[in-house]
């Protein structure tokens, strides 16, 4: 029973961290940390996808999860428009 509580707490903390990264990327247009800045080319797409993935988890929608995963992938792949 203890291990289930630890896993639930870990998932909750990871969800909060994912939401903070998503909001930071969506509103500020850049990723925190050097490693993420190198790998994510379109932070706003990535942030929108990350938040959409969290919303889909809360309302149990696999279609929103798929769209969110696609937006996160596009955030990594699409080149900046400069």
N, C-alpha and C. Protein backbone atom coordinates (compact mmCIF):
# COMPACT_ATOMS: atom_id res chain seq x y z
N UNK A 1 0.82 -1.19 0.00
CA UNK A 1 0.00 0.00 0.00
C UNK A 1 0.87 1.26 0.00
N UNK A 2 2.00 1.19 0.71
CA UNK A 2 2.90 2.33 0.78
C UNK A 2 3.47 2.67 -0.59
N UNK A 3 3.81 1.64 -1.36
CA UNK A 3 4.42 1.86 -2.67
C UNK A 3 3.44 2.54 -3.63
N UNK A 4 2.16 2.25 -3.51
CA UNK A 4 1.15 2.90 -4.36
C UNK A 4 1.07 4.39 -4.03
N UNK A 5 1.14 4.73 -2.76
CA UNK A 5 1.14 6.13 -2.36
C UNK A 5 2.36 6.88 -2.86
N UNK A 6 3.51 6.21 -2.80
CA UNK A 6 4.74 6.83 -3.29
C UNK A 6 4.66 7.05 -4.80
N UNK A 7 4.15 6.07 -5.53
CA UNK A 7 3.99 6.21 -6.99
C UNK A 7 3.00 7.32 -7.34
N UNK A 8 1.90 7.39 -6.60
CA UNK A 8 0.91 8.44 -6.86
C UNK A 8 1.51 9.82 -6.59
N UNK A 9 2.26 9.95 -5.52
CA UNK A 9 2.90 11.23 -5.21
C UNK A 9 3.93 11.59 -6.26
N UNK A 10 4.68 10.62 -6.75
CA UNK A 10 5.67 10.86 -7.79
C UNK A 10 5.00 11.33 -9.08
N UNK A 11 3.91 10.67 -9.47
CA UNK A 11 3.18 11.08 -10.67
C UNK A 11 2.60 12.49 -10.52
N UNK A 12 2.11 12.81 -9.35
CA UNK A 12 1.57 14.14 -9.09
C UNK A 12 2.65 15.21 -9.21
N UNK A 13 3.82 14.95 -8.65
CA UNK A 13 4.93 15.90 -8.74
C UNK A 13 5.40 16.05 -10.17
N UNK A 14 5.47 14.96 -10.93
CA UNK A 14 5.85 15.03 -12.34
C UNK A 14 4.83 15.82 -13.15
N UNK A 15 3.56 15.66 -12.85
CA UNK A 15 2.52 16.41 -13.56
C UNK A 15 2.64 17.91 -13.28
N UNK A 16 2.95 18.28 -12.05
CA UNK A 16 3.14 19.69 -11.72
C UNK A 16 4.36 20.25 -12.44
N UNK A 17 5.44 19.48 -12.48
CA UNK A 17 6.65 19.94 -13.19
C UNK A 17 6.37 20.10 -14.68
N UNK A 18 5.62 19.17 -15.28
CA UNK A 18 5.27 19.23 -16.70
C UNK A 18 4.42 20.47 -16.97
N UNK A 19 3.48 20.78 -16.06
CA UNK A 19 2.63 21.95 -16.23
C UNK A 19 3.45 23.24 -16.14
N UNK A 20 4.39 23.30 -15.21
CA UNK A 20 5.23 24.49 -15.08
C UNK A 20 6.07 24.68 -16.33
N UNK A 21 6.65 23.61 -16.86
CA UNK A 21 7.42 23.71 -18.11
C UNK A 21 6.54 24.16 -19.27
N UNK A 22 5.33 23.62 -19.35
CA UNK A 22 4.42 23.99 -20.42
C UNK A 22 4.00 25.44 -20.37
N UNK A 23 3.66 25.92 -19.18
CA UNK A 23 3.25 27.32 -19.04
C UNK A 23 4.43 28.25 -19.32
N UNK A 24 5.60 27.89 -18.84
CA UNK A 24 6.80 28.70 -19.07
C UNK A 24 7.08 28.81 -20.57
N UNK A 25 7.02 27.68 -21.26
CA UNK A 25 7.30 27.68 -22.71
C UNK A 25 6.22 28.43 -23.48
N UNK A 26 4.97 28.25 -23.10
CA UNK A 26 3.88 28.88 -23.84
C UNK A 26 3.86 30.40 -23.66
N UNK A 27 4.02 30.87 -22.44
CA UNK A 27 3.90 32.30 -22.18
C UNK A 27 5.18 33.08 -22.51
N UNK A 28 6.34 32.51 -22.20
CA UNK A 28 7.59 33.24 -22.40
C UNK A 28 8.24 32.97 -23.75
N UNK A 29 7.86 31.89 -24.40
CA UNK A 29 8.42 31.58 -25.71
C UNK A 29 9.83 31.05 -25.68
N UNK A 30 10.27 30.55 -24.53
CA UNK A 30 11.59 29.93 -24.45
C UNK A 30 11.53 28.84 -23.39
N UNK A 31 12.49 27.93 -23.48
CA UNK A 31 12.53 26.81 -22.56
C UNK A 31 13.52 27.09 -21.44
N UNK A 32 13.23 26.65 -20.23
CA UNK A 32 14.20 26.83 -19.14
C UNK A 32 15.32 25.80 -19.28
N UNK A 33 16.50 26.20 -18.91
CA UNK A 33 17.63 25.29 -18.92
C UNK A 33 18.31 25.21 -20.27
N UNK A 34 19.58 24.94 -20.25
CA UNK A 34 20.37 24.88 -21.47
C UNK A 34 20.00 23.66 -22.32
N UNK A 35 19.77 22.53 -21.69
CA UNK A 35 19.51 21.29 -22.42
C UNK A 35 18.20 21.38 -23.22
N UNK A 36 17.15 21.87 -22.59
CA UNK A 36 15.86 21.99 -23.29
C UNK A 36 15.90 23.07 -24.37
N UNK A 37 16.65 24.14 -24.14
CA UNK A 37 16.74 25.20 -25.14
C UNK A 37 17.42 24.69 -26.41
N UNK A 38 18.34 23.76 -26.27
CA UNK A 38 19.01 23.21 -27.44
C UNK A 38 18.11 22.27 -28.23
N UNK A 39 17.20 21.57 -27.57
CA UNK A 39 16.43 20.53 -28.22
C UNK A 39 15.06 20.96 -28.72
N UNK A 40 14.48 21.97 -28.13
CA UNK A 40 13.15 22.42 -28.53
C UNK A 40 13.29 23.64 -29.43
N UNK A 41 12.81 23.53 -30.67
CA UNK A 41 12.95 24.62 -31.63
C UNK A 41 11.79 25.60 -31.56
N UNK A 42 10.60 25.12 -31.26
CA UNK A 42 9.41 25.97 -31.15
C UNK A 42 8.80 25.79 -29.75
N UNK A 43 9.25 26.57 -28.79
CA UNK A 43 8.79 26.38 -27.41
C UNK A 43 7.29 26.59 -27.21
N UNK A 44 6.69 27.50 -27.97
CA UNK A 44 5.25 27.74 -27.78
C UNK A 44 4.42 26.54 -28.23
N UNK A 45 4.80 25.90 -29.32
CA UNK A 45 4.12 24.66 -29.74
C UNK A 45 4.31 23.58 -28.69
N UNK A 46 5.54 23.47 -28.20
CA UNK A 46 5.85 22.46 -27.19
C UNK A 46 5.03 22.70 -25.93
N UNK A 47 4.94 23.96 -25.49
CA UNK A 47 4.19 24.27 -24.28
C UNK A 47 2.70 24.01 -24.43
N UNK A 48 2.16 24.35 -25.60
CA UNK A 48 0.74 24.08 -25.83
C UNK A 48 0.47 22.58 -25.82
N UNK A 49 1.36 21.81 -26.42
CA UNK A 49 1.20 20.36 -26.42
C UNK A 49 1.32 19.78 -25.03
N UNK A 50 2.26 20.28 -24.24
CA UNK A 50 2.43 19.77 -22.88
C UNK A 50 1.19 20.03 -22.03
N UNK A 51 0.63 21.24 -22.15
CA UNK A 51 -0.58 21.55 -21.38
C UNK A 51 -1.78 20.75 -21.88
N UNK A 52 -1.86 20.54 -23.18
CA UNK A 52 -2.95 19.74 -23.74
C UNK A 52 -2.87 18.29 -23.27
N UNK A 53 -1.65 17.79 -23.12
CA UNK A 53 -1.49 16.42 -22.61
C UNK A 53 -2.00 16.32 -21.17
N UNK A 54 -1.74 17.33 -20.36
CA UNK A 54 -2.23 17.32 -18.98
C UNK A 54 -3.75 17.42 -18.92
N UNK A 55 -4.32 18.27 -19.77
CA UNK A 55 -5.78 18.40 -19.81
C UNK A 55 -6.41 17.08 -20.24
N UNK A 56 -5.81 16.42 -21.22
CA UNK A 56 -6.37 15.15 -21.69
C UNK A 56 -6.30 14.08 -20.61
N UNK A 57 -5.30 14.16 -19.76
CA UNK A 57 -5.18 13.19 -18.67
C UNK A 57 -6.31 13.41 -17.66
N UNK A 58 -6.65 14.68 -17.41
CA UNK A 58 -7.69 14.98 -16.44
C UNK A 58 -9.09 14.65 -16.94
N UNK A 59 -9.34 14.78 -18.24
CA UNK A 59 -10.68 14.50 -18.74
C UNK A 59 -10.75 13.15 -19.48
N UNK A 60 -9.67 12.37 -19.43
CA UNK A 60 -9.61 11.02 -20.00
C UNK A 60 -9.95 11.01 -21.49
N UNK A 61 -9.26 11.84 -22.25
CA UNK A 61 -9.52 11.94 -23.68
C UNK A 61 -8.28 11.51 -24.48
N UNK A 62 -8.34 10.34 -25.11
CA UNK A 62 -7.19 9.89 -25.89
C UNK A 62 -6.94 10.74 -27.14
N UNK A 63 -7.97 11.35 -27.70
CA UNK A 63 -7.77 12.19 -28.88
C UNK A 63 -6.99 13.46 -28.52
N UNK A 64 -7.30 14.09 -27.37
CA UNK A 64 -6.53 15.25 -26.94
C UNK A 64 -5.10 14.87 -26.60
N UNK A 65 -4.91 13.68 -26.04
CA UNK A 65 -3.56 13.21 -25.74
C UNK A 65 -2.75 13.06 -27.02
N UNK A 66 -3.37 12.52 -28.06
CA UNK A 66 -2.68 12.35 -29.34
C UNK A 66 -2.31 13.70 -29.95
N UNK A 67 -3.22 14.66 -29.88
CA UNK A 67 -2.93 15.99 -30.40
C UNK A 67 -1.81 16.65 -29.59
N UNK A 68 -1.84 16.48 -28.28
CA UNK A 68 -0.78 17.04 -27.44
C UNK A 68 0.58 16.44 -27.74
N UNK A 69 0.63 15.13 -27.92
CA UNK A 69 1.90 14.48 -28.26
C UNK A 69 2.40 14.98 -29.61
N UNK A 70 1.47 15.17 -30.55
CA UNK A 70 1.85 15.70 -31.86
C UNK A 70 2.41 17.11 -31.76
N UNK A 71 1.81 17.96 -30.93
CA UNK A 71 2.31 19.32 -30.77
C UNK A 71 3.68 19.35 -30.11
N UNK A 72 3.89 18.47 -29.14
CA UNK A 72 5.21 18.39 -28.51
C UNK A 72 6.24 17.94 -29.53
N UNK A 73 5.90 16.96 -30.35
CA UNK A 73 6.83 16.50 -31.39
C UNK A 73 7.10 17.61 -32.40
N UNK A 74 6.07 18.36 -32.78
CA UNK A 74 6.28 19.49 -33.71
C UNK A 74 7.16 20.56 -33.08
N UNK A 75 7.04 20.76 -31.79
CA UNK A 75 7.90 21.72 -31.11
C UNK A 75 9.37 21.36 -31.20
N UNK A 76 9.65 20.07 -31.30
CA UNK A 76 11.03 19.61 -31.45
C UNK A 76 11.51 19.69 -32.89
N UNK A 77 10.62 19.51 -33.86
CA UNK A 77 11.01 19.33 -35.25
C UNK A 77 10.97 20.61 -36.08
N UNK A 78 9.91 21.40 -35.93
CA UNK A 78 9.69 22.56 -36.81
C UNK A 78 10.78 23.61 -36.56
N UNK A 79 11.37 24.09 -37.65
CA UNK A 79 12.43 25.10 -37.54
C UNK A 79 11.81 26.47 -37.26
N UNK A 80 12.53 27.33 -36.54
CA UNK A 80 12.03 28.68 -36.28
C UNK A 80 11.84 29.47 -37.57
N UNK A 81 10.94 30.44 -37.56
CA UNK A 81 10.60 31.20 -38.77
C UNK A 81 11.42 32.48 -38.85
N UNK A 82 12.70 32.37 -38.74
CA UNK A 82 13.58 33.56 -38.83
C UNK A 82 14.54 33.39 -39.96
